[in-house]
Amino acid sequence: MILKKLSAFIFAATLITQTISAQQLKVPAASPLQTVKQAFALSEITVEYSRPSAKGRTVYGDVVPFDKVWRTGANGATKITFGEDVKIEGTDVKAGTYALYSIPGKDSWTLMLYKDLTLGGNVADYKKENELLRFNVKPSSLTEKVETFEINVADITSNSANIELVWEKTRVAFKVVAEIDAKIMKAIESTVVKDNRPYFQAASYYYENDKDLKQAGEWIDKAIANNPKAYWVVLLKAKIQFKAKDAKGASATAEQAKALALADQDDAYVKMAEKIITDCKK
């Protein structure tokens, strides 16, 4: 009797151990989850999606049918978060998180930002009234095959970027623009004028965005006065002078930046300074 009870106990313990082991077994996901975080404008763009692979199959028109709503990835819906108000293909979109659905076509794709984040991959219950935005884009062909679906934030400038959907030999992209100039100009007015601190950042923004170079020059001089050995600051002054067509001043300032960079053994800045010196001689 005791032996039977002991055997039963061992059998039960074995089953429990096997069950726990099975629950803890981890295997690679067929369509792994990826989160893309990209600093953009004054905030971030974040994309959360699952990445299916072609695995020898024809993707568009077969695995992903044409002219039907697709979750734009695998498993649940793809989610995209904008950290600030943006324009997508020219239409205003408030900061927030949206699901990204699409309707692939041979010659044109329809992309939709969806407000209901609970729908997930259940596209059978997709409701057009829950869309925030719907727009069309043209797909383009790739020369090389991409095995695994990817979403990228590409072609980034200070206020614009393209969101790319790439798979098989197809690329689809849409443009995102952030209206940041007014915000930055207001911040410059409230910080540089009143606090007398971020001269370098303000001068850099004016230089990069073709604003008042005389004002940029005044600010960069103050930045240099605060940190005279900062060769990257001195180099910006040379760039501002060159853009303002003061070749003689730009060359002299670039020589100063080069000497400071040499002392700090920063070869990259030495080369940038030398390029300005060479350009000033043309």
C-alpha atoms as a PDB file:
ATOM      1  CA  MET A   1       0.000   0.000   0.000  1.00  0.00           C
ATOM      2  CA  ILE A   2       2.793   2.370   0.975  1.00  0.00           C
ATOM      3  CA  LEU A   3       4.667   1.422  -2.197  1.00  0.00           C
ATOM      4  CA  LYS A   4       1.604   2.201  -4.347  1.00  0.00           C
ATOM      5  CA  LYS A   5       1.174   5.617  -2.713  1.00  0.00           C
ATOM      6  CA  LEU A   6       4.854   6.354  -3.192  1.00  0.00           C
ATOM      7  CA  SER A   7       4.672   5.372  -6.872  1.00  0.00           C
ATOM      8  CA  ALA A   8       1.599   7.542  -7.364  1.00  0.00           C
ATOM      9  CA  PHE A   9       3.345  10.479  -5.707  1.00  0.00           C
ATOM     10  CA  ILE A  10       6.447  10.093  -7.914  1.00  0.00           C
ATOM     11  CA  PHE A  11       4.251   9.849 -11.035  1.00  0.00           C
ATOM     12  CA  ALA A  12       2.321  13.009 -10.080  1.00  0.00           C
ATOM     13  CA  ALA A  13       5.542  14.896  -9.278  1.00  0.00           C
ATOM     14  CA  THR A  14       6.971  13.876 -12.647  1.00  0.00           C
ATOM     15  CA  LEU A  15       3.887  15.176 -14.470  1.00  0.00           C
ATOM     16  CA  ILE A  16       4.040  18.489 -12.588  1.00  0.00           C
ATOM     17  CA  THR A  17       7.745  18.860 -13.396  1.00  0.00           C
ATOM     18  CA  GLN A  18       7.128  18.136 -17.088  1.00  0.00           C
ATOM     19  CA  THR A  19       4.259  20.642 -17.160  1.00  0.00           C
ATOM     20  CA  ILE A  20       6.372  23.375 -15.553  1.00  0.00           C
ATOM     21  CA  SER A  21       9.236  22.638 -17.955  1.00  0.00           C
ATOM     22  CA  ALA A  22       6.867  22.870 -20.915  1.00  0.00           C
ATOM     23  CA  GLN A  23       5.509  26.180 -19.664  1.00  0.00           C
ATOM     24  CA  GLN A  24       9.034  27.571 -19.332  1.00  0.00           C
ATOM     25  CA  LEU A  25      10.228  26.386 -22.748  1.00  0.00           C
ATOM     26  CA  LYS A  26      11.143  29.366 -24.926  1.00  0.00           C
ATOM     27  CA  VAL A  27      11.452  29.110 -28.679  1.00  0.00           C
ATOM     28  CA  PRO A  28      12.045  31.796 -31.334  1.00  0.00           C
ATOM     29  CA  ALA A  29       8.904  33.607 -32.477  1.00  0.00           C
ATOM     30  CA  ALA A  30       7.860  32.953 -36.051  1.00  0.00           C
ATOM     31  CA  SER A  31       7.258  36.693 -36.505  1.00  0.00           C
ATOM     32  CA  PRO A  32       9.380  38.432 -33.853  1.00  0.00           C
ATOM     33  CA  LEU A  33       8.248  41.688 -32.284  1.00  0.00           C
ATOM     34  CA  GLN A  34      10.301  44.793 -32.941  1.00  0.00           C
ATOM     35  CA  THR A  35      10.147  48.291 -31.481  1.00  0.00           C
ATOM     36  CA  VAL A  36      11.689  51.126 -33.484  1.00  0.00           C
ATOM     37  CA  LYS A  37      12.406  54.355 -31.602  1.00  0.00           C
ATOM     38  CA  GLN A  38      13.646  57.282 -33.640  1.00  0.00           C
ATOM     39  CA  ALA A  39      14.425  60.747 -32.324  1.00  0.00           C
ATOM     40  CA  PHE A  40      12.563  63.099 -34.635  1.00  0.00           C
ATOM     41  CA  ALA A  41      12.038  66.866 -34.607  1.00  0.00           C
ATOM     42  CA  LEU A  42      11.488  67.755 -30.910  1.00  0.00           C
ATOM     43  CA  SER A  43      10.311  64.299 -29.783  1.00  0.00           C
ATOM     44  CA  GLU A  44      10.265  60.699 -31.067  1.00  0.00           C
ATOM     45  CA  ILE A  45       8.511  58.390 -33.496  1.00  0.00           C
ATOM     46  CA  THR A  46       7.964  54.877 -32.127  1.00  0.00           C
ATOM     47  CA  VAL A  47       6.784  51.883 -34.152  1.00  0.00           C
ATOM     48  CA  GLU A  48       5.797  48.542 -32.591  1.00  0.00           C
ATOM     49  CA  TYR A  49       5.181  45.671 -34.992  1.00  0.00           C
ATOM     50  CA  SER A  50       5.765  41.965 -35.658  1.00  0.00           C
ATOM     51  CA  ARG A  51       8.006  40.903 -38.542  1.00  0.00           C
ATOM     52  CA  PRO A  52       6.846  38.013 -40.748  1.00  0.00           C
ATOM     53  CA  SER A  53       9.237  36.395 -43.239  1.00  0.00           C
ATOM     54  CA  ALA A  54       8.568  35.350 -46.826  1.00  0.00           C
ATOM     55  CA  LYS A  55       9.973  31.802 -46.421  1.00  0.00           C
ATOM     56  CA  GLY A  56       9.897  31.118 -50.117  1.00  0.00           C
ATOM     57  CA  ARG A  57       6.340  32.358 -50.568  1.00  0.00           C
ATOM     58  CA  THR A  58       4.997  35.077 -52.833  1.00  0.00           C
ATOM     59  CA  VAL A  59       4.042  37.857 -50.429  1.00  0.00           C
ATOM     60  CA  TYR A  60       1.907  40.525 -52.083  1.00  0.00           C
ATOM     61  CA  GLY A  61      -1.045  39.164 -53.966  1.00  0.00           C
ATOM     62  CA  ASP A  62      -0.809  35.815 -52.138  1.00  0.00           C
ATOM     63  CA  VAL A  63       0.228  35.733 -48.455  1.00  0.00           C
ATOM     64  CA  VAL A  64      -0.954  39.334 -48.242  1.00  0.00           C
ATOM     65  CA  PRO A  65      -3.922  39.637 -50.646  1.00  0.00           C
ATOM     66  CA  PHE A  66      -4.392  42.691 -52.788  1.00  0.00           C
ATOM     67  CA  ASP A  67      -7.302  45.042 -52.094  1.00  0.00           C
ATOM     68  CA  LYS A  68      -8.005  43.760 -48.567  1.00  0.00           C
ATOM     69  CA  VAL A  69      -7.301  45.311 -45.167  1.00  0.00           C
ATOM     70  CA  TRP A  70      -3.955  44.121 -43.751  1.00  0.00           C
ATOM     71  CA  ARG A  71      -2.680  44.615 -40.210  1.00  0.00           C
ATOM     72  CA  THR A  72       0.650  45.730 -41.760  1.00  0.00           C
ATOM     73  CA  GLY A  73       2.747  43.072 -40.109  1.00  0.00           C
ATOM     74  CA  ALA A  74       1.994  39.864 -38.237  1.00  0.00           C
ATOM     75  CA  ASN A  75       0.112  38.933 -35.058  1.00  0.00           C
ATOM     76  CA  GLY A  76      -1.492  42.099 -33.619  1.00  0.00           C
ATOM     77  CA  ALA A  77      -1.826  45.440 -35.329  1.00  0.00           C
ATOM     78  CA  THR A  78       1.190  47.618 -35.971  1.00  0.00           C
ATOM     79  CA  LYS A  79       1.219  50.657 -33.667  1.00  0.00           C
ATOM     80  CA  ILE A  80       2.849  53.985 -34.407  1.00  0.00           C
ATOM     81  CA  THR A  81       3.324  56.776 -31.876  1.00  0.00           C
ATOM     82  CA  PHE A  82       4.057  60.411 -32.679  1.00  0.00           C
ATOM     83  CA  GLY A  83       5.508  62.376 -29.774  1.00  0.00           C
ATOM     84  CA  GLU A  84       4.226  65.681 -31.150  1.00  0.00           C
ATOM     85  CA  ASP A  85       1.674  67.006 -33.622  1.00  0.00           C
ATOM     86  CA  VAL A  86       2.685  66.196 -37.210  1.00  0.00           C
ATOM     87  CA  LYS A  87       1.435  66.305 -40.772  1.00  0.00           C
ATOM     88  CA  ILE A  88       1.174  63.016 -42.645  1.00  0.00           C
ATOM     89  CA  GLU A  89       1.112  63.441 -46.394  1.00  0.00           C
ATOM     90  CA  GLY A  90      -0.096  66.989 -45.730  1.00  0.00           C
ATOM     91  CA  THR A  91      -2.861  66.176 -43.214  1.00  0.00           C
ATOM     92  CA  ASP A  92      -2.689  67.245 -39.548  1.00  0.00           C
ATOM     93  CA  VAL A  93      -2.320  64.417 -37.024  1.00  0.00           C
ATOM     94  CA  LYS A  94      -2.296  65.027 -33.273  1.00  0.00           C
ATOM     95  CA  ALA A  95       0.397  63.536 -31.053  1.00  0.00           C
ATOM     96  CA  GLY A  96      -0.610  60.057 -29.886  1.00  0.00           C
ATOM     97  CA  THR A  97      -0.614  56.345 -30.675  1.00  0.00           C
ATOM     98  CA  TYR A  98      -2.483  54.874 -33.634  1.00  0.00           C
ATOM     99  CA  ALA A  99      -2.814  51.478 -35.282  1.00  0.00           C
ATOM    100  CA  LEU A 100      -1.447  51.348 -38.823  1.00  0.00           C
ATOM    101  CA  TYR A 101      -3.517  49.322 -41.296  1.00  0.00           C
ATOM    102  CA  SER A 102      -3.130  49.155 -45.043  1.00  0.00           C
ATOM    103  CA  ILE A 103      -4.785  47.917 -48.217  1.00  0.00           C
ATOM    104  CA  PRO A 104      -2.014  46.788 -50.574  1.00  0.00           C
ATOM    105  CA  GLY A 105      -2.641  47.053 -54.308  1.00  0.00           C
ATOM    106  CA  LYS A 106      -0.655  46.344 -57.434  1.00  0.00           C
ATOM    107  CA  ASP A 107      -0.307  49.984 -58.405  1.00  0.00           C
ATOM    108  CA  SER A 108      -1.425  51.872 -55.280  1.00  0.00           C
ATOM    109  CA  TRP A 109      -1.613  51.311 -51.538  1.00  0.00           C
ATOM    110  CA  THR A 110      -4.127  52.770 -49.130  1.00  0.00           C
ATOM    111  CA  LEU A 111      -2.786  53.435 -45.621  1.00  0.00           C
ATOM    112  CA  MET A 112      -4.976  54.124 -42.600  1.00  0.00           C
ATOM    113  CA  LEU A 113      -4.328  55.448 -39.097  1.00  0.00           C
ATOM    114  CA  TYR A 114      -6.868  53.775 -36.810  1.00  0.00           C
ATOM    115  CA  LYS A 115      -8.023  55.169 -33.479  1.00  0.00           C
ATOM    116  CA  ASP A 116      -9.224  51.895 -31.909  1.00  0.00           C
ATOM    117  CA  LEU A 117      -6.126  50.153 -30.552  1.00  0.00           C
ATOM    118  CA  THR A 118      -8.118  47.136 -29.299  1.00  0.00           C
ATOM    119  CA  LEU A 119      -8.908  45.735 -32.754  1.00  0.00           C
ATOM    120  CA  GLY A 120      -5.468  44.182 -33.122  1.00  0.00           C
ATOM    121  CA  GLY A 121      -5.148  41.756 -36.012  1.00  0.00           C
ATOM    122  CA  ASN A 122      -8.867  41.033 -36.221  1.00  0.00           C
ATOM    123  CA  VAL A 123      -9.399  42.868 -39.516  1.00  0.00           C
ATOM    124  CA  ALA A 124     -12.773  41.163 -40.036  1.00  0.00           C
ATOM    125  CA  ASP A 125     -14.170  43.691 -37.522  1.00  0.00           C
ATOM    126  CA  TYR A 126     -12.437  46.693 -39.105  1.00  0.00           C
ATOM    127  CA  LYS A 127     -14.690  49.776 -39.125  1.00  0.00           C
ATOM    128  CA  LYS A 128     -13.994  52.704 -41.388  1.00  0.00           C
ATOM    129  CA  GLU A 129     -15.611  55.110 -38.909  1.00  0.00           C
ATOM    130  CA  ASN A 130     -12.731  54.441 -36.493  1.00  0.00           C
ATOM    131  CA  GLU A 131     -10.161  55.779 -38.941  1.00  0.00           C
ATOM    132  CA  LEU A 132      -8.360  58.999 -38.152  1.00  0.00           C
ATOM    133  CA  LEU A 133      -6.792  59.262 -41.582  1.00  0.00           C
ATOM    134  CA  ARG A 134      -6.805  57.444 -44.935  1.00  0.00           C
ATOM    135  CA  PHE A 135      -4.429  58.256 -47.807  1.00  0.00           C
ATOM    136  CA  ASN A 136      -2.935  56.672 -50.919  1.00  0.00           C
ATOM    137  CA  VAL A 137       0.714  56.170 -51.876  1.00  0.00           C
ATOM    138  CA  LYS A 138       2.483  54.550 -54.811  1.00  0.00           C
ATOM    139  CA  PRO A 139       4.666  51.496 -54.182  1.00  0.00           C
ATOM    140  CA  SER A 140       8.142  51.300 -55.693  1.00  0.00           C
ATOM    141  CA  SER A 141      10.220  48.282 -56.697  1.00  0.00           C
ATOM    142  CA  LEU A 142      13.434  47.147 -55.023  1.00  0.00           C
ATOM    143  CA  THR A 143      16.313  45.544 -56.900  1.00  0.00           C
ATOM    144  CA  GLU A 144      17.004  43.011 -54.142  1.00  0.00           C
ATOM    145  CA  LYS A 145      14.578  40.856 -52.204  1.00  0.00           C
ATOM    146  CA  VAL A 146      13.948  41.630 -48.519  1.00  0.00           C
ATOM    147  CA  GLU A 147      13.157  38.393 -46.698  1.00  0.00           C
ATOM    148  CA  THR A 148      11.680  39.805 -43.492  1.00  0.00           C
ATOM    149  CA  PHE A 149       9.132  42.621 -43.328  1.00  0.00           C
ATOM    150  CA  GLU A 150      10.591  45.842 -41.938  1.00  0.00           C
ATOM    151  CA  ILE A 151       9.388  49.303 -41.026  1.00  0.00           C
ATOM    152  CA  ASN A 152      11.987  52.075 -40.997  1.00  0.00           C
ATOM    153  CA  VAL A 153      12.156  55.776 -40.262  1.00  0.00           C
ATOM    154  CA  ALA A 154      14.277  57.105 -43.131  1.00  0.00           C
ATOM    155  CA  ASP A 155      15.383  60.280 -44.930  1.00  0.00           C
ATOM    156  CA  ILE A 156      15.386  62.224 -41.657  1.00  0.00           C
ATOM    157  CA  THR A 157      15.807  65.994 -41.625  1.00  0.00           C
ATOM    158  CA  SER A 158      15.260  68.423 -38.764  1.00  0.00           C
ATOM    159  CA  ASN A 159      11.503  68.436 -39.395  1.00  0.00           C
ATOM    160  CA  SER A 160      10.649  65.627 -41.822  1.00  0.00           C
ATOM    161  CA  ALA A 161      11.058  61.888 -42.311  1.00  0.00           C
ATOM    162  CA  ASN A 162       9.690  59.014 -44.358  1.00  0.00           C
ATOM    163  CA  ILE A 163       8.104  55.961 -42.769  1.00  0.00           C
ATOM    164  CA  GLU A 164       9.056  52.998 -44.985  1.00  0.00           C
ATOM    165  CA  LEU A 165       7.343  49.620 -45.295  1.00  0.00           C
ATOM    166  CA  VAL A 166       9.736  47.201 -46.998  1.00  0.00           C
ATOM    167  CA  TRP A 167       9.179  43.538 -47.883  1.00  0.00           C
ATOM    168  CA  GLU A 168       9.940  41.202 -50.748  1.00  0.00           C
ATOM    169  CA  LYS A 169      10.741  43.606 -53.619  1.00  0.00           C
ATOM    170  CA  THR A 170       8.284  46.331 -52.646  1.00  0.00           C
ATOM    171  CA  ARG A 171       8.822  49.610 -50.808  1.00  0.00           C
ATOM    172  CA  VAL A 172       5.974  51.835 -49.645  1.00  0.00           C
ATOM    173  CA  ALA A 173       6.674  55.137 -47.885  1.00  0.00           C
ATOM    174  CA  PHE A 174       4.768  58.098 -46.503  1.00  0.00           C
ATOM    175  CA  LYS A 175       6.042  61.492 -45.378  1.00  0.00           C
ATOM    176  CA  VAL A 176       5.834  62.873 -41.845  1.00  0.00           C
ATOM    177  CA  VAL A 177       6.465  66.577 -41.201  1.00  0.00           C
ATOM    178  CA  ALA A 178       6.648  68.384 -37.861  1.00  0.00           C
ATOM    179  CA  GLU A 179       6.045  72.130 -37.733  1.00  0.00           C
ATOM    180  CA  ILE A 180       8.823  72.995 -35.292  1.00  0.00           C
ATOM    181  CA  ASP A 181      10.184  76.324 -36.525  1.00  0.00           C
ATOM    182  CA  ALA A 182       7.707  78.516 -34.614  1.00  0.00           C
ATOM    183  CA  LYS A 183       8.316  76.501 -31.421  1.00  0.00           C
ATOM    184  CA  ILE A 184      12.085  76.783 -31.702  1.00  0.00           C
ATOM    185  CA  MET A 185      11.996  80.477 -32.549  1.00  0.00           C
ATOM    186  CA  LYS A 186       9.822  81.114 -29.498  1.00  0.00           C
ATOM    187  CA  ALA A 187      12.172  79.049 -27.338  1.00  0.00           C
ATOM    188  CA  ILE A 188      15.165  80.992 -28.656  1.00  0.00           C
ATOM    189  CA  GLU A 189      13.479  84.268 -27.825  1.00  0.00           C
ATOM    190  CA  SER A 190      12.622  83.150 -24.293  1.00  0.00           C
ATOM    191  CA  THR A 191      15.983  81.518 -23.489  1.00  0.00           C
ATOM    192  CA  VAL A 192      18.723  83.290 -25.425  1.00  0.00           C
ATOM    193  CA  VAL A 193      17.364  86.787 -24.904  1.00  0.00           C
ATOM    194  CA  LYS A 194      16.356  86.318 -21.275  1.00  0.00           C
ATOM    195  CA  ASP A 195      18.629  83.595 -19.911  1.00  0.00           C
ATOM    196  CA  ASN A 196      21.727  84.369 -22.003  1.00  0.00           C
ATOM    197  CA  ARG A 197      22.773  80.721 -22.197  1.00  0.00           C
ATOM    198  CA  PRO A 198      22.192  78.494 -25.276  1.00  0.00           C
ATOM    199  CA  TYR A 199      24.049  80.704 -27.742  1.00  0.00           C
ATOM    200  CA  PHE A 200      25.647  77.811 -29.615  1.00  0.00           C
ATOM    201  CA  GLN A 201      22.348  75.961 -30.158  1.00  0.00           C
ATOM    202  CA  ALA A 202      20.597  79.137 -31.280  1.00  0.00           C
ATOM    203  CA  ALA A 203      23.405  80.081 -33.682  1.00  0.00           C
ATOM    204  CA  SER A 204      23.451  76.531 -35.044  1.00  0.00           C
ATOM    205  CA  TYR A 205      19.708  76.575 -35.717  1.00  0.00           C
ATOM    206  CA  TYR A 206      19.957  79.924 -37.495  1.00  0.00           C
ATOM    207  CA  TYR A 207      22.864  78.630 -39.600  1.00  0.00           C
ATOM    208  CA  GLU A 208      21.203  75.322 -40.528  1.00  0.00           C
ATOM    209  CA  ASN A 209      17.881  76.929 -41.406  1.00  0.00           C
ATOM    210  CA  ASP A 210      19.111  79.947 -43.379  1.00  0.00           C
ATOM    211  CA  LYS A 211      18.008  82.580 -40.911  1.00  0.00           C
ATOM    212  CA  ASP A 212      19.684  85.873 -39.940  1.00  0.00           C
ATOM    213  CA  LEU A 213      23.420  85.145 -40.236  1.00  0.00           C
ATOM    214  CA  LYS A 214      24.371  88.445 -38.592  1.00  0.00           C
ATOM    215  CA  GLN A 215      22.418  87.434 -35.493  1.00  0.00           C
ATOM    216  CA  ALA A 216      23.917  83.938 -35.668  1.00  0.00           C
ATOM    217  CA  GLY A 217      27.378  85.545 -35.756  1.00  0.00           C
ATOM    218  CA  GLU A 218      26.677  87.615 -32.646  1.00  0.00           C
ATOM    219  CA  TRP A 219      25.481  84.559 -30.754  1.00  0.00           C
ATOM    220  CA  ILE A 220      28.415  82.376 -31.796  1.00  0.00           C
ATOM    221  CA  ASP A 221      30.856  85.068 -30.640  1.00  0.00           C
ATOM    222  CA  LYS A 222      29.203  84.973 -27.209  1.00  0.00           C
ATOM    223  CA  ALA A 223      29.366  81.168 -27.211  1.00  0.00           C
ATOM    224  CA  ILE A 224      33.101  81.315 -27.996  1.00  0.00           C
ATOM    225  CA  ALA A 225      33.630  83.869 -25.217  1.00  0.00           C
ATOM    226  CA  ASN A 226      32.004  81.429 -22.785  1.00  0.00           C
ATOM    227  CA  ASN A 227      34.141  78.493 -23.999  1.00  0.00           C
ATOM    228  CA  PRO A 228      37.127  79.690 -26.075  1.00  0.00           C
ATOM    229  CA  LYS A 229      38.743  76.243 -26.425  1.00  0.00           C
ATOM    230  CA  ALA A 230      35.625  74.582 -27.830  1.00  0.00           C
ATOM    231  CA  TYR A 231      36.814  74.018 -31.395  1.00  0.00           C
ATOM    232  CA  TRP A 232      33.388  72.781 -32.522  1.00  0.00           C
ATOM    233  CA  VAL A 233      31.985  76.179 -31.541  1.00  0.00           C
ATOM    234  CA  VAL A 234      34.818  78.011 -33.319  1.00  0.00           C
ATOM    235  CA  LEU A 235      34.234  75.833 -36.396  1.00  0.00           C
ATOM    236  CA  LEU A 236      30.569  76.829 -36.453  1.00  0.00           C
ATOM    237  CA  LYS A 237      31.651  80.465 -36.547  1.00  0.00           C
ATOM    238  CA  ALA A 238      33.799  79.673 -39.594  1.00  0.00           C
ATOM    239  CA  LYS A 239      30.796  78.011 -41.269  1.00  0.00           C
ATOM    240  CA  ILE A 240      28.596  81.020 -40.531  1.00  0.00           C
ATOM    241  CA  GLN A 241      31.236  83.382 -41.940  1.00  0.00           C
ATOM    242  CA  PHE A 242      31.641  81.262 -45.067  1.00  0.00           C
ATOM    243  CA  LYS A 243      27.880  81.157 -45.609  1.00  0.00           C
ATOM    244  CA  ALA A 244      27.814  84.936 -45.200  1.00  0.00           C
ATOM    245  CA  LYS A 245      30.466  85.112 -47.989  1.00  0.00           C
ATOM    246  CA  ASP A 246      33.222  86.301 -45.655  1.00  0.00           C
ATOM    247  CA  ALA A 247      35.899  83.963 -47.025  1.00  0.00           C
ATOM    248  CA  LYS A 248      38.812  85.784 -45.380  1.00  0.00           C
ATOM    249  CA  GLY A 249      37.196  85.703 -41.934  1.00  0.00           C
ATOM    250  CA  ALA A 250      36.055  82.096 -42.382  1.00  0.00           C
ATOM    251  CA  SER A 251      39.580  80.962 -43.308  1.00  0.00           C
ATOM    252  CA  ALA A 252      41.139  82.659 -40.287  1.00  0.00           C
ATOM    253  CA  THR A 253      38.522  81.233 -37.932  1.00  0.00           C
ATOM    254  CA  ALA A 254      38.881  77.750 -39.450  1.00  0.00           C
ATOM    255  CA  GLU A 255      42.649  77.942 -38.786  1.00  0.00           C
ATOM    256  CA  GLN A 256      41.866  78.647 -35.115  1.00  0.00           C
ATOM    257  CA  ALA A 257      39.459  75.699 -35.002  1.00  0.00           C
ATOM    258  CA  LYS A 258      42.059  73.450 -36.637  1.00  0.00           C
ATOM    259  CA  ALA A 259      44.722  74.385 -34.084  1.00  0.00           C
ATOM    260  CA  LEU A 260      42.361  73.698 -31.198  1.00  0.00           C
ATOM    261  CA  ALA A 261      41.254  70.378 -32.715  1.00  0.00           C
ATOM    262  CA  LEU A 262      44.876  69.330 -33.281  1.00  0.00           C
ATOM    263  CA  ALA A 263      45.626  70.038 -29.631  1.00  0.00           C
ATOM    264  CA  ASP A 264      42.741  67.765 -28.661  1.00  0.00           C
ATOM    265  CA  GLN A 265      43.716  65.160 -31.313  1.00  0.00           C
ATOM    266  CA  ASP A 266      40.278  65.281 -32.919  1.00  0.00           C
ATOM    267  CA  ASP A 267      41.053  64.323 -36.526  1.00  0.00           C
ATOM    268  CA  ALA A 268      37.432  64.636 -37.687  1.00  0.00           C
ATOM    269  CA  TYR A 269      37.277  68.325 -36.769  1.00  0.00           C
ATOM    270  CA  VAL A 270      40.746  68.929 -38.200  1.00  0.00           C
ATOM    271  CA  LYS A 271      39.501  67.638 -41.564  1.00  0.00           C
ATOM    272  CA  MET A 272      36.322  69.759 -41.381  1.00  0.00           C
ATOM    273  CA  ALA A 273      38.380  72.864 -40.630  1.00  0.00           C
ATOM    274  CA  GLU A 274      40.780  72.082 -43.488  1.00  0.00           C
ATOM    275  CA  LYS A 275      37.860  71.728 -45.893  1.00  0.00           C
ATOM    276  CA  ILE A 276      36.618  75.225 -45.025  1.00  0.00           C
ATOM    277  CA  ILE A 277      40.147  76.610 -45.489  1.00  0.00           C
ATOM    278  CA  THR A 278      40.361  74.937 -48.900  1.00  0.00           C
ATOM    279  CA  ASP A 279      36.894  76.122 -49.918  1.00  0.00           C
ATOM    280  CA  CYS A 280      37.797  79.694 -48.972  1.00  0.00           C
ATOM    281  CA  LYS A 281      40.628  79.643 -51.525  1.00  0.00           C
ATOM    282  CA  LYS A 282      38.355  78.724 -54.448  1.00  0.00           C
END
